[in-house]
């Protein structure tokens, strides 16, 4: 009986010590986790905590940390994460975060995650699960962390896919996994649109390579991350929409193309803007005015009105000054005053021998007006013959109908503009549009600088056309700032929604622009096309329409001859009428 009593006393004393051991263990775990979280905050500051899962050890630490905390007990929420500052994500187990809210997951995809798991779970499986969900900044602690101080950090491009880091070590817990992709593939599809992307065969190695201001961006990025570009080639009868659909569906990582992004909702599948450019109409340079219309172009109607008034005033003054009376004043004498007409046209006229001072002063005014008028007209005439003025330019979309001009556009681009509901595009009369169903045919017509149409182009394409026209004596197209659907539109690369290295690609775009490489590539894009034989210096259409500078021919002065003949006929008629009226008066 005595041994049994002693045994019961020992068991009771041991049972009393177990809660103390458990409490000490929880205290060590809390202290270790608190030290870890403070270390993470020191490495990269955060001022928000997002805790997934029901009551666990992380909930007990929130009071000690003193930061804003969001609790998600069901693993997901309809709440759209809108915190602009950095956030640390804590998960009570490996299945606490289900990621059903894609908007929230996209915004928190790059955030650091700390996962608390049971002691018997394998970190490799946990890392694989998060890698499948495309979350890569993951660290794991087990229940024995208070005793072991071991952190399991997930590493994507190594085997095993995790690494043990002690809390006491200075080794980084979270790293940028995609700085070195160790030859992993980047799935991309390129569009067949020079000069953005052009394929050629290297004569030295015999390998096919890509060149162009979009292709160069991708090849440099792959080299920067030590990755391999896995390229898919779009079918010839397809357009850029196929690439966009594949990127949005997650089949491709990126599209080797440029796309305009207007709506904020579409920015989920867009990179940082590669180019900011206007979206305007590329208009034909107005034709020069024919030589036979130059004569009348010099004198505007208001100027002709002023000259007519001056002619009448001088005629009236001459009539009055000769006899100091209004006896000879009549409409015929004013409008057909020979001296005033000759004087203004720079011709000789009879000067009276005993002219008064007033009459001499009027003659001086007449001669001065004659010199000014004939000199300015001759100067304008010579200038316009050397470089004739242009025909009226198009200033608004309504002018297309007024001047009978057409705007060519592809069916794909037309559908996109209708979807965006652009207000300026609604100003265009549909009768002025020439819709080309085949996008490749539209590109061929536009790139050949066909002057039968005007074209809607972005600033990046216009830079190529502008570079090509530097080879011409005179440009054939210009970019109209009056006919813009948007003066500054972001042009970006299509990327997959949950692309884990999107931020690295955005940094790459900014660095390439900052160092001036993008501008250099764009400036040399046309010469690259000529060097590769993709486009000639001058298209066949321009060669056929090219003509030598015309010289003046008889037809160009026909208007002057006709006017001279009409004036002679009018003068003869006036002379005959004057003779007849004088004979009638003589007979009386």
Protein backbone atom coordinates (compact mmCIF):
# COMPACT_ATOMS: atom_id res chain seq x y z
CA UNK A 1 0.00 0.00 0.00
CA UNK A 2 2.84 2.37 0.82
CA UNK A 3 4.53 1.99 -2.64
CA UNK A 4 1.19 2.81 -4.33
CA UNK A 5 0.83 6.03 -2.34
CA UNK A 6 4.38 7.08 -3.21
CA UNK A 7 3.71 6.43 -6.93
CA UNK A 8 0.55 8.56 -6.91
CA UNK A 9 2.39 11.42 -5.21
CA UNK A 10 5.13 11.34 -7.89
CA UNK A 11 2.59 11.34 -10.72
CA UNK A 12 0.78 14.31 -9.22
CA UNK A 13 4.00 16.29 -8.87
CA UNK A 14 4.97 15.54 -12.50
CA UNK A 15 1.52 16.50 -13.79
CA UNK A 16 1.81 19.83 -12.03
CA UNK A 17 5.09 20.53 -13.86
CA UNK A 18 3.71 19.80 -17.44
CA UNK A 19 1.73 23.11 -17.79
CA UNK A 20 4.83 25.00 -16.74
CA UNK A 21 6.88 23.24 -19.48
CA UNK A 22 4.15 23.94 -22.10
CA UNK A 23 3.93 27.57 -21.05
CA UNK A 24 7.70 27.92 -21.31
CA UNK A 25 7.61 26.35 -24.79
CA UNK A 26 4.89 28.76 -26.01
CA UNK A 27 6.78 31.66 -24.52
CA UNK A 28 9.97 30.66 -26.36
CA UNK A 29 8.03 30.31 -29.63
CA UNK A 30 6.39 33.71 -29.24
CA UNK A 31 9.72 35.32 -28.41
CA UNK A 32 11.43 33.69 -31.41
CA UNK A 33 8.62 34.64 -33.80
CA UNK A 34 8.59 38.18 -32.47
CA UNK A 35 12.35 38.44 -33.05
CA UNK A 36 11.92 37.05 -36.57
CA UNK A 37 9.15 39.48 -37.50
CA UNK A 38 11.11 42.44 -36.11
CA UNK A 39 14.12 41.30 -38.15
CA UNK A 40 11.97 41.12 -41.28
CA UNK A 41 10.68 44.60 -40.57
CA UNK A 42 14.22 45.84 -40.23
CA UNK A 43 15.25 44.21 -43.53
CA UNK A 44 12.27 45.66 -45.41
CA UNK A 45 9.86 47.96 -43.66
CA UNK A 46 6.17 47.10 -43.43
CA UNK A 47 3.36 48.75 -41.50
CA UNK A 48 0.54 46.26 -42.14
CA UNK A 49 0.00 42.65 -41.19
CA UNK A 50 -2.35 40.36 -43.10
CA UNK A 51 -3.10 37.18 -41.14
CA UNK A 52 -4.83 34.23 -42.84
CA UNK A 53 -6.39 31.47 -40.75
CA UNK A 54 -8.15 30.94 -37.46
CA UNK A 55 -6.68 31.49 -34.01
CA UNK A 56 -2.97 30.62 -33.95
CA UNK A 57 0.31 31.85 -32.52
CA UNK A 58 0.41 34.84 -34.88
CA UNK A 59 -2.71 36.36 -33.37
CA UNK A 60 -1.00 36.55 -29.98
CA UNK A 61 1.85 38.64 -31.45
CA UNK A 62 -0.24 41.48 -32.83
CA UNK A 63 -0.36 43.36 -29.52
CA UNK A 64 3.42 43.27 -29.19
CA UNK A 65 4.06 44.47 -32.76
CA UNK A 66 1.82 47.53 -32.68
CA UNK A 67 1.05 47.62 -36.42
CA UNK A 68 -2.21 47.64 -38.35
CA UNK A 69 -3.55 44.12 -38.71
CA UNK A 70 -6.13 42.62 -41.07
CA UNK A 71 -7.56 39.24 -40.01
CA UNK A 72 -8.93 36.89 -42.68
CA UNK A 73 -10.16 33.78 -40.91
CA UNK A 74 -11.84 32.14 -43.92
CA UNK A 75 -8.76 32.20 -46.18
CA UNK A 76 -10.25 34.69 -48.64
CA UNK A 77 -12.34 37.84 -48.72
CA UNK A 78 -14.20 39.96 -51.23
CA UNK A 79 -12.34 42.99 -49.91
CA UNK A 80 -10.22 44.63 -52.63
CA UNK A 81 -6.78 45.17 -51.13
CA UNK A 82 -6.00 48.85 -51.50
CA UNK A 83 -3.15 49.44 -49.03
CA UNK A 84 -0.37 51.33 -50.75
CA UNK A 85 2.30 50.46 -48.17
CA UNK A 86 4.18 47.19 -47.74
CA UNK A 87 2.48 44.32 -46.00
CA UNK A 88 3.75 41.15 -44.35
CA UNK A 89 1.46 38.13 -44.80
CA UNK A 90 1.23 35.57 -42.00
CA UNK A 91 -0.49 32.21 -42.56
CA UNK A 92 -1.53 29.91 -39.71
CA UNK A 93 -1.03 26.86 -41.95
CA UNK A 94 -0.17 26.03 -45.55
CA UNK A 95 -3.84 26.02 -46.60
CA UNK A 96 -4.96 29.15 -44.77
CA UNK A 97 -4.71 31.32 -47.91
CA UNK A 98 -6.84 30.07 -50.80
CA UNK A 99 -6.36 33.08 -53.12
CA UNK A 100 -9.90 33.12 -54.50
CA UNK A 101 -9.90 36.91 -54.75
CA UNK A 102 -7.61 37.36 -57.74
CA UNK A 103 -7.44 41.14 -57.44
CA UNK A 104 -6.18 40.91 -53.87
CA UNK A 105 -3.74 38.13 -54.76
CA UNK A 106 -2.36 40.12 -57.68
CA UNK A 107 -1.66 43.11 -55.44
CA UNK A 108 -0.08 40.96 -52.71
CA UNK A 109 1.67 38.45 -54.97
CA UNK A 110 5.16 39.85 -54.31
CA UNK A 111 4.62 40.39 -50.59
CA UNK A 112 6.63 38.30 -48.16
CA UNK A 113 4.78 35.35 -46.65
CA UNK A 114 5.57 33.59 -43.37
CA UNK A 115 3.90 30.20 -43.00
CA UNK A 116 3.44 28.36 -39.69
CA UNK A 117 3.21 24.57 -40.10
CA UNK A 118 3.25 21.45 -37.96
CA UNK A 119 6.52 19.83 -37.05
CA UNK A 120 5.96 16.71 -39.14
CA UNK A 121 5.19 18.54 -42.42
CA UNK A 122 7.75 18.68 -45.23
CA UNK A 123 8.81 22.20 -46.33
CA UNK A 124 9.40 20.97 -49.89
CA UNK A 125 5.71 20.17 -50.41
CA UNK A 126 4.66 23.48 -48.88
CA UNK A 127 6.99 25.39 -51.22
CA UNK A 128 5.70 23.45 -54.22
CA UNK A 129 2.14 24.35 -53.29
CA UNK A 130 2.92 28.05 -53.16
CA UNK A 131 4.96 27.86 -56.37
CA UNK A 132 1.92 26.40 -58.12
CA UNK A 133 -0.10 29.36 -56.87
CA UNK A 134 2.68 31.66 -58.16
CA UNK A 135 3.68 33.00 -54.76
CA UNK A 136 7.47 32.84 -54.42
CA UNK A 137 8.48 35.06 -51.48
CA UNK A 138 7.73 32.35 -48.92
CA UNK A 139 9.40 31.40 -45.64
CA UNK A 140 8.28 28.59 -43.31
CA UNK A 141 8.59 28.06 -39.56
CA UNK A 142 7.62 24.89 -37.70
CA UNK A 143 6.13 24.38 -34.28
CA UNK A 144 9.63 23.78 -32.84
CA UNK A 145 10.90 27.17 -34.05
CA UNK A 146 11.18 28.42 -30.46
CA UNK A 147 13.72 25.69 -29.82
CA UNK A 148 15.44 25.26 -33.21
CA UNK A 149 15.34 28.85 -34.58
CA UNK A 150 15.42 27.32 -38.09
CA UNK A 151 13.62 29.07 -40.95
CA UNK A 152 12.88 27.22 -44.19
CA UNK A 153 13.02 29.66 -47.10
CA UNK A 154 11.64 28.60 -50.48
CA UNK A 155 14.06 28.78 -53.41
CA UNK A 156 12.55 28.33 -56.88
CA UNK A 157 15.52 27.51 -59.10
CA UNK A 158 17.37 24.97 -56.95
CA UNK A 159 17.01 21.45 -55.60
CA UNK A 160 15.79 20.95 -52.99
CA UNK A 161 13.48 23.90 -53.39
CA UNK A 162 14.12 25.28 -49.92
CA UNK A 163 17.04 26.36 -47.77
CA UNK A 164 17.50 26.32 -44.00
CA UNK A 165 18.45 29.64 -42.46
CA UNK A 166 19.07 30.17 -38.76
CA UNK A 167 17.54 33.15 -37.03
CA UNK A 168 20.98 34.06 -35.69
CA UNK A 169 22.59 34.10 -39.15
CA UNK A 170 23.03 37.25 -41.23
CA UNK A 171 21.97 35.35 -44.34
CA UNK A 172 18.95 36.88 -46.15
CA UNK A 173 15.68 35.04 -45.66
CA UNK A 174 13.88 36.36 -48.73
CA UNK A 175 15.68 36.76 -52.05
CA UNK A 176 14.64 37.77 -55.56
CA UNK A 177 14.27 34.34 -57.13
CA UNK A 178 14.03 35.62 -60.70
CA UNK A 179 17.29 37.56 -60.80
CA UNK A 180 18.85 34.36 -62.11
CA UNK A 181 16.37 32.07 -63.84
CA UNK A 182 19.12 29.58 -64.74
CA UNK A 183 17.94 29.09 -68.31
CA UNK A 184 14.24 28.76 -67.56
CA UNK A 185 11.88 29.60 -70.41
CA UNK A 186 10.02 32.84 -71.02
CA UNK A 187 7.08 32.02 -73.26
CA UNK A 188 6.46 34.76 -75.80
CA UNK A 189 4.87 35.17 -79.22
CA UNK A 190 6.10 37.70 -81.75
CA UNK A 191 3.99 39.53 -84.28
CA UNK A 192 5.02 39.96 -87.89
CA UNK A 193 5.32 43.74 -87.86
CA UNK A 194 8.61 45.38 -88.83
CA UNK A 195 10.41 47.36 -87.53
CA UNK A 196 9.31 46.31 -84.05
CA UNK A 197 10.36 42.70 -84.56
CA UNK A 198 12.40 41.38 -87.49
CA UNK A 199 14.00 37.98 -87.95
CA UNK A 200 17.26 37.43 -89.81
CA UNK A 201 19.92 34.76 -90.16
CA UNK A 202 23.33 35.46 -88.69
CA UNK A 203 25.91 34.84 -91.43
CA UNK A 204 28.62 33.86 -88.95
CA UNK A 205 26.69 31.39 -86.80
CA UNK A 206 23.86 30.50 -89.18
CA UNK A 207 21.35 30.96 -86.36
CA UNK A 208 18.15 32.94 -86.61
CA UNK A 209 18.15 36.10 -84.54
CA UNK A 210 15.76 38.92 -83.83
CA UNK A 211 16.24 42.64 -84.20
CA UNK A 212 13.98 45.64 -83.71
CA UNK A 213 13.19 48.05 -80.91
CA UNK A 214 10.76 45.56 -79.35
CA UNK A 215 12.79 42.41 -80.07
CA UNK A 216 15.94 44.01 -78.61
CA UNK A 217 14.05 44.72 -75.39
CA UNK A 218 13.16 41.03 -75.01
CA UNK A 219 16.57 39.61 -75.92
CA UNK A 220 18.31 41.97 -73.49
CA UNK A 221 15.82 41.06 -70.77
CA UNK A 222 16.38 37.33 -71.27
CA UNK A 223 20.14 37.83 -71.04
CA UNK A 224 19.72 39.96 -67.95
CA UNK A 225 17.77 37.24 -66.12
CA UNK A 226 19.79 34.35 -67.59
CA UNK A 227 16.58 33.03 -69.17
CA UNK A 228 15.71 31.42 -72.50
CA UNK A 229 13.19 32.97 -74.87
CA UNK A 230 10.70 30.35 -76.05
CA UNK A 231 9.20 32.03 -79.09
CA UNK A 232 5.95 31.16 -80.79
CA UNK A 233 5.38 32.65 -84.24
CA UNK A 234 1.97 34.04 -85.07
CA UNK A 235 0.27 32.73 -88.18
CA UNK A 236 0.46 34.93 -91.26
CA UNK A 237 -3.31 35.28 -91.57
CA UNK A 238 -3.68 36.29 -87.91
CA UNK A 239 -3.26 39.62 -86.16
CA UNK A 240 -2.18 40.94 -82.79
CA UNK A 241 -5.50 40.00 -81.20
CA UNK A 242 -4.41 36.34 -81.10
CA UNK A 243 -1.36 37.30 -79.05
CA UNK A 244 -3.48 39.37 -76.66
CA UNK A 245 -5.95 36.52 -76.15
CA UNK A 246 -3.15 34.03 -75.44
CA UNK A 247 -1.52 36.40 -72.95
CA UNK A 248 -4.80 37.09 -71.15
CA UNK A 249 -5.55 33.37 -71.03
CA UNK A 250 -2.16 32.68 -69.40
CA UNK A 251 -0.87 30.57 -72.31
CA UNK A 252 1.93 33.07 -72.95
CA UNK A 253 4.03 34.97 -70.45
CA UNK A 254 4.44 38.01 -72.70
CA UNK A 255 3.61 39.18 -76.18
CA UNK A 256 6.44 40.51 -78.32
CA UNK A 257 4.32 43.38 -79.57
CA UNK A 258 3.06 46.80 -78.56
CA UNK A 259 -0.50 47.55 -77.53
CA UNK A 260 -2.23 50.77 -76.56
CA UNK A 261 -3.90 50.75 -73.15
CA UNK A 262 -6.60 53.29 -72.35
CA UNK A 263 -8.91 51.67 -69.77
CA UNK A 264 -7.55 51.05 -66.23
CA UNK A 265 -9.13 47.57 -66.21
CA UNK A 266 -6.83 46.43 -69.00
CA UNK A 267 -3.69 47.45 -67.11
CA UNK A 268 -3.64 44.09 -65.29
CA UNK A 269 -2.20 42.58 -68.46
CA UNK A 270 0.09 45.47 -69.39
CA UNK A 271 3.66 46.26 -68.50
CA UNK A 272 5.04 49.66 -67.59
CA UNK A 273 4.50 51.92 -70.65
CA UNK A 274 7.30 51.28 -73.12
CA UNK A 275 6.51 54.38 -75.15
CA UNK A 276 4.29 57.40 -74.65
CA UNK A 277 3.19 58.62 -78.05
CA UNK A 278 0.38 60.52 -79.76
CA UNK A 279 -2.30 58.75 -81.76
CA UNK A 280 -2.97 60.99 -84.75
CA UNK A 281 -3.73 61.02 -88.46
CA UNK A 282 -0.86 60.81 -90.93
CA UNK A 283 -1.97 63.17 -93.71
CA UNK A 284 -0.69 63.63 -97.24
CA UNK A 285 1.35 66.77 -97.69
CA UNK A 286 -0.94 69.15 -99.63
CA UNK A 287 -0.13 69.43 -103.33
CA UNK A 288 1.42 72.59 -104.70
CA UNK A 289 -0.89 75.09 -106.34
CA UNK A 290 -0.75 74.93 -110.19
CA UNK A 291 1.19 77.75 -111.84
CA UNK A 292 -1.87 79.02 -113.71
CA UNK A 293 -3.61 79.72 -110.37
CA UNK A 294 -0.68 81.55 -108.80
CA UNK A 295 -1.56 84.96 -110.30
CA UNK A 296 -4.87 85.22 -108.56
CA UNK A 297 -3.54 83.72 -105.30
CA UNK A 298 -1.28 86.72 -104.72
CA UNK A 299 -4.13 89.22 -104.32
CA UNK A 300 -6.77 88.42 -101.76
CA UNK A 301 -10.29 89.86 -102.21
CA UNK A 302 -9.82 92.43 -99.39
CA UNK A 303 -6.63 93.68 -101.07
CA UNK A 304 -8.40 93.98 -104.41
CA UNK A 305 -11.14 95.97 -102.70
CA UNK A 306 -8.61 98.38 -101.21
CA UNK A 307 -6.90 98.83 -104.60
CA UNK A 308 -10.25 99.53 -106.27
CA UNK A 309 -11.10 102.19 -103.67
CA UNK A 310 -7.63 103.74 -104.13
CA UNK A 311 -8.14 103.75 -107.91
CA UNK A 312 -11.50 105.53 -107.59
CA UNK A 313 -10.10 108.13 -105.16
CA UNK A 314 -7.16 108.91 -107.44
CA UNK A 315 -9.48 109.14 -110.45
CA UNK A 316 -11.77 111.61 -108.67
CA UNK A 317 -8.80 113.73 -107.54
CA UNK A 318 -7.35 113.80 -111.05
CA UNK A 319 -10.67 114.83 -112.59
CA UNK A 320 -11.16 117.66 -110.10
CA UNK A 321 -7.53 118.89 -110.08
CA UNK A 322 -7.36 119.48 -113.84
CA UNK A 323 -10.15 122.07 -114.06
CA UNK A 324 -10.85 122.74 -110.40
CA UNK A 325 -14.47 121.73 -110.97
CA UNK A 326 -16.74 118.70 -110.91
CA UNK A 327 -18.00 119.28 -114.44
CA UNK A 328 -16.34 116.16 -115.92
CA UNK A 329 -17.15 113.94 -112.95
CA UNK A 330 -19.10 110.87 -114.06
CA UNK A 331 -19.13 107.17 -113.35
CA UNK A 332 -17.56 106.37 -116.72
CA UNK A 333 -14.75 108.91 -116.23
CA UNK A 334 -14.02 107.51 -112.77
CA UNK A 335 -14.04 103.81 -113.67
CA UNK A 336 -12.28 104.28 -117.02
CA UNK A 337 -9.75 106.90 -116.01
CA UNK A 338 -6.79 106.25 -118.29
CA UNK A 339 -4.16 108.07 -116.24
CA UNK A 340 -5.09 106.43 -112.93
CA UNK A 341 -5.27 102.97 -114.50
CA UNK A 342 -1.91 103.33 -116.25
CA UNK A 343 -0.27 104.76 -113.17
CA UNK A 344 -1.33 101.95 -110.84
CA UNK A 345 -0.23 99.31 -113.38
CA UNK A 346 3.19 100.94 -113.75
CA UNK A 347 2.68 102.16 -117.31
CA UNK A 348 3.60 105.57 -118.77
CA UNK A 349 0.88 108.20 -118.98
CA UNK A 350 0.68 111.80 -120.31
CA UNK A 351 1.80 114.47 -117.87
CA UNK A 352 0.29 117.94 -118.31
CA UNK A 353 2.81 120.73 -118.96
CA UNK A 354 1.33 123.34 -116.66
CA UNK A 355 0.24 121.10 -113.80
CA UNK A 356 -0.69 122.70 -110.50
CA UNK A 357 0.92 121.80 -107.21
CA UNK A 358 -2.09 119.73 -106.18
CA UNK A 359 -2.00 117.82 -109.46
CA UNK A 360 1.74 117.20 -109.12
CA UNK A 361 1.17 115.90 -105.58
CA UNK A 362 -1.52 113.52 -106.85
CA UNK A 363 0.87 112.25 -109.53
CA UNK A 364 3.52 111.65 -106.87
CA UNK A 365 1.01 109.60 -104.84
CA UNK A 366 0.04 107.71 -107.99
CA UNK A 367 3.66 106.93 -108.88
CA UNK A 368 4.47 105.84 -105.33
CA UNK A 369 1.42 103.54 -105.27
CA UNK A 370 2.47 102.19 -108.67
CA UNK A 371 5.99 101.38 -107.48
CA UNK A 372 4.75 99.69 -104.30
CA UNK A 373 2.04 97.70 -106.08
CA UNK A 374 4.11 96.44 -109.01
CA UNK A 375 7.20 95.72 -106.89
CA UNK A 376 5.31 93.67 -104.32
CA UNK A 377 3.33 91.80 -106.96
CA UNK A 378 6.50 90.97 -108.92
CA UNK A 379 8.24 89.80 -105.74
CA UNK A 380 5.33 87.55 -104.77
CA UNK A 381 5.04 86.26 -108.33
CA UNK A 382 8.71 85.27 -108.52
CA UNK A 383 8.56 83.68 -105.08
CA UNK A 384 5.44 81.67 -105.92
CA UNK A 385 6.90 80.55 -109.24
CA UNK A 386 9.97 79.30 -107.37
CA UNK A 387 7.96 77.61 -104.61
CA UNK A 388 4.21 77.62 -105.25
CA UNK A 389 1.94 77.76 -102.20
CA UNK A 390 0.18 74.59 -101.05
CA UNK A 391 -3.46 73.78 -101.39
CA UNK A 392 -5.67 74.12 -98.27
CA UNK A 393 -4.83 71.69 -95.47
CA UNK A 394 -7.21 69.49 -93.49
CA UNK A 395 -7.82 71.00 -90.05
CA UNK A 396 -10.71 68.87 -88.79
CA UNK A 397 -12.30 65.49 -89.41
CA UNK A 398 -15.16 67.23 -91.22
CA UNK A 399 -12.67 68.49 -93.80
CA UNK A 400 -12.26 64.95 -95.13
CA UNK A 401 -15.71 65.25 -96.66
CA UNK A 402 -15.07 68.83 -97.77
CA UNK A 403 -11.87 67.97 -99.66
CA UNK A 404 -12.99 64.48 -100.72
CA UNK A 405 -10.18 62.71 -98.83
CA UNK A 406 -10.26 59.16 -97.48
CA UNK A 407 -8.92 57.69 -94.24
CA UNK A 408 -7.73 54.07 -94.49
CA UNK A 409 -8.07 51.84 -91.43
CA UNK A 410 -7.89 48.11 -90.75
CA UNK A 411 -10.91 46.18 -89.52
CA UNK A 412 -9.07 45.17 -86.33
CA UNK A 413 -8.18 48.77 -85.48
CA UNK A 414 -11.71 49.95 -86.28
CA UNK A 415 -13.23 47.39 -83.90
CA UNK A 416 -10.80 48.40 -81.15
CA UNK A 417 -11.68 52.09 -81.53
CA UNK A 418 -15.38 51.35 -81.38
CA UNK A 419 -14.85 49.32 -78.21
CA UNK A 420 -12.95 52.16 -76.53
CA UNK A 421 -15.78 54.56 -77.45
CA UNK A 422 -13.36 57.36 -78.36
CA UNK A 423 -15.21 60.69 -78.56
CA UNK A 424 -12.93 62.16 -81.24
CA UNK A 425 -13.34 59.09 -83.43
CA UNK A 426 -17.10 59.70 -83.50
CA UNK A 427 -16.45 62.96 -85.36
CA UNK A 428 -15.27 61.01 -88.41
CA UNK A 429 -17.88 60.45 -91.08
CA UNK A 430 -18.04 56.73 -91.89
CA UNK A 431 -18.27 57.59 -95.59
CA UNK A 432 -14.75 58.99 -95.32
CA UNK A 433 -13.38 55.66 -94.01
CA UNK A 434 -11.88 52.96 -96.21
CA UNK A 435 -11.93 49.76 -94.14
CA UNK A 436 -9.37 47.12 -95.15
CA UNK A 437 -10.29 43.68 -93.84
CA UNK A 438 -6.83 42.11 -94.09
CA UNK A 439 -4.49 43.68 -91.52
CA UNK A 440 -1.37 42.59 -93.41
CA UNK A 441 -2.66 44.23 -96.60
CA UNK A 442 -3.38 47.41 -94.65
CA UNK A 443 0.16 47.42 -93.26
CA UNK A 444 1.58 46.90 -96.76
CA UNK A 445 -0.40 49.84 -98.15
CA UNK A 446 0.49 52.10 -95.25
CA UNK A 447 4.18 51.22 -95.18
CA UNK A 448 4.47 51.82 -98.92
CA UNK A 449 3.34 55.41 -98.23
CA UNK A 450 0.42 55.10 -100.62
CA UNK A 451 -0.78 58.66 -101.13
CA UNK A 452 -4.34 57.65 -102.00
CA UNK A 453 -5.27 57.62 -98.30
CA UNK A 454 -4.50 59.12 -94.94
CA UNK A 455 -3.78 56.79 -91.99
CA UNK A 456 -4.26 56.66 -88.23
CA UNK A 457 -0.85 55.95 -86.69
CA UNK A 458 0.81 56.03 -83.30
CA UNK A 459 3.89 58.09 -82.66
CA UNK A 460 6.21 55.06 -82.73
CA UNK A 461 5.17 54.17 -86.28
CA UNK A 462 5.37 57.79 -87.37
CA UNK A 463 9.00 57.95 -86.24
CA UNK A 464 9.81 55.21 -88.78
CA UNK A 465 7.95 57.01 -91.58
CA UNK A 466 9.66 60.26 -90.66
CA UNK A 467 13.05 58.55 -90.81
CA UNK A 468 12.22 57.11 -94.24
CA UNK A 469 11.12 60.48 -95.61
CA UNK A 470 14.51 61.97 -94.78
CA UNK A 471 15.69 60.15 -97.90
CA UNK A 472 13.21 62.10 -100.05
CA UNK A 473 13.66 65.52 -101.58
CA UNK A 474 10.34 66.53 -100.05
CA UNK A 475 8.17 64.66 -97.52
CA UNK A 476 4.92 63.11 -98.73
CA UNK A 477 3.20 62.73 -95.33
CA UNK A 478 3.10 64.67 -92.09
CA UNK A 479 1.61 63.99 -88.66
CA UNK A 480 -1.33 66.30 -88.00
CA UNK A 481 -1.53 67.58 -84.43
CA UNK A 482 -5.05 68.87 -85.16
CA UNK A 483 -6.41 65.38 -85.89
CA UNK A 484 -5.40 63.36 -82.83
CA UNK A 485 -7.55 60.81 -81.06
CA UNK A 486 -5.13 61.15 -78.14
CA UNK A 487 -2.13 63.42 -77.73
CA UNK A 488 -0.42 61.10 -75.25
CA UNK A 489 -1.31 57.44 -75.15
CA UNK A 490 0.60 54.73 -73.21
CA UNK A 491 1.95 51.92 -75.40
CA UNK A 492 2.99 48.85 -73.44
CA UNK A 493 3.92 45.17 -73.72
CA UNK A 494 1.14 42.62 -73.03
CA UNK A 495 2.10 40.46 -70.02
CA UNK A 496 0.39 37.65 -68.17
CA UNK A 497 -1.79 38.75 -65.25
CA UNK A 498 0.18 36.92 -62.53
CA UNK A 499 3.62 37.16 -64.15
CA UNK A 500 5.95 36.85 -61.13
CA UNK A 501 8.80 38.86 -62.66
CA UNK A 502 6.64 41.68 -64.00
CA UNK A 503 8.39 44.17 -61.70
CA UNK A 504 11.78 43.15 -63.10
CA UNK A 505 10.49 43.63 -66.63
CA UNK A 506 9.16 47.07 -65.70
CA UNK A 507 12.55 47.98 -64.23
CA UNK A 508 14.18 46.76 -67.43
CA UNK A 509 11.90 48.95 -69.58
CA UNK A 510 12.66 52.02 -67.48
CA UNK A 511 16.42 51.40 -67.57
CA UNK A 512 16.45 50.92 -71.36
CA UNK A 513 14.58 54.20 -71.80
CA UNK A 514 16.76 55.97 -69.26
CA UNK A 515 19.97 55.02 -71.07
CA UNK A 516 18.54 56.12 -74.43
CA UNK A 517 18.61 52.70 -76.03
CA UNK A 518 14.95 52.75 -77.03
CA UNK A 519 15.34 56.06 -78.84
CA UNK A 520 18.47 54.78 -80.59
CA UNK A 521 16.72 51.59 -81.73
CA UNK A 522 13.73 53.53 -83.02
CA UNK A 523 15.91 56.01 -84.90
CA UNK A 524 17.75 53.18 -86.68
CA UNK A 525 14.72 50.96 -87.25
CA UNK A 526 14.15 52.02 -90.86
CA UNK A 527 17.80 51.56 -91.79
CA UNK A 528 17.67 48.10 -90.21
CA UNK A 529 14.73 47.22 -92.46
CA UNK A 530 16.63 48.44 -95.51
CA UNK A 531 19.74 46.50 -94.49
CA UNK A 532 17.73 43.29 -94.06
CA UNK A 533 15.95 43.82 -97.38
CA UNK A 534 12.52 44.12 -95.75
CA UNK A 535 11.81 47.54 -97.20
CA UNK A 536 13.48 49.55 -100.01
CA UNK A 537 14.69 53.09 -99.58
CA UNK A 538 11.91 54.29 -101.90
CA UNK A 539 8.77 52.23 -102.51
CA UNK A 540 7.67 51.27 -106.01
CA UNK A 541 4.56 53.45 -105.76
CA UNK A 542 6.66 56.52 -105.09
CA UNK A 543 9.06 55.66 -107.92
CA UNK A 544 6.20 55.45 -110.40
CA UNK A 545 4.68 58.76 -109.32
CA UNK A 546 8.01 60.54 -109.13
CA UNK A 547 8.30 63.24 -111.82
CA UNK A 548 10.88 65.87 -112.63
CA UNK A 549 10.32 69.47 -111.65
CA UNK A 550 8.05 71.09 -114.22
CA UNK A 551 9.04 74.19 -116.17
CA UNK A 552 6.66 76.95 -117.13
CA UNK A 553 4.69 76.16 -120.26
CA UNK A 554 2.20 78.11 -122.33
CA UNK A 555 -0.70 76.55 -120.45
CA UNK A 556 0.57 78.02 -117.19
CA UNK A 557 0.29 81.58 -118.56
CA UNK A 558 -2.98 80.95 -120.42
CA UNK A 559 -4.91 82.68 -117.67
CA UNK A 560 -2.86 85.85 -118.18
CA UNK A 561 -3.27 85.71 -121.94
CA UNK A 562 -7.00 85.20 -121.62
CA UNK A 563 -7.24 88.13 -119.23
CA UNK A 564 -5.14 90.26 -121.59
CA UNK A 565 -7.37 89.32 -124.52
CA UNK A 566 -10.50 90.14 -122.54
CA UNK A 567 -9.04 93.52 -121.56
CA UNK A 568 -8.17 94.27 -125.20
CA UNK A 569 -11.68 93.38 -126.35
CA UNK A 570 -13.14 95.55 -123.60
CA UNK A 571 -10.85 98.45 -124.59
CA UNK A 572 -11.78 98.15 -128.27
CA UNK A 573 -15.45 98.13 -127.36
CA UNK A 574 -14.99 101.23 -125.23
CA UNK A 575 -13.06 102.92 -128.07
CA UNK A 576 -15.78 102.11 -130.58
CA UNK A 577 -18.46 103.41 -128.24
CA UNK A 578 -16.46 106.58 -127.70
CA UNK A 579 -16.03 107.11 -131.46
CA UNK A 580 -19.71 106.53 -132.11
CA UNK A 581 -20.75 108.89 -129.33
CA UNK A 582 -18.34 111.57 -130.63
CA UNK A 583 -19.70 111.22 -134.22
CA UNK A 584 -23.22 111.54 -132.91
CA UNK A 585 -22.36 114.71 -131.06
CA UNK A 586 -20.54 116.09 -134.13
CA UNK A 587 -23.55 115.41 -136.35
CA UNK A 588 -25.78 117.31 -133.95
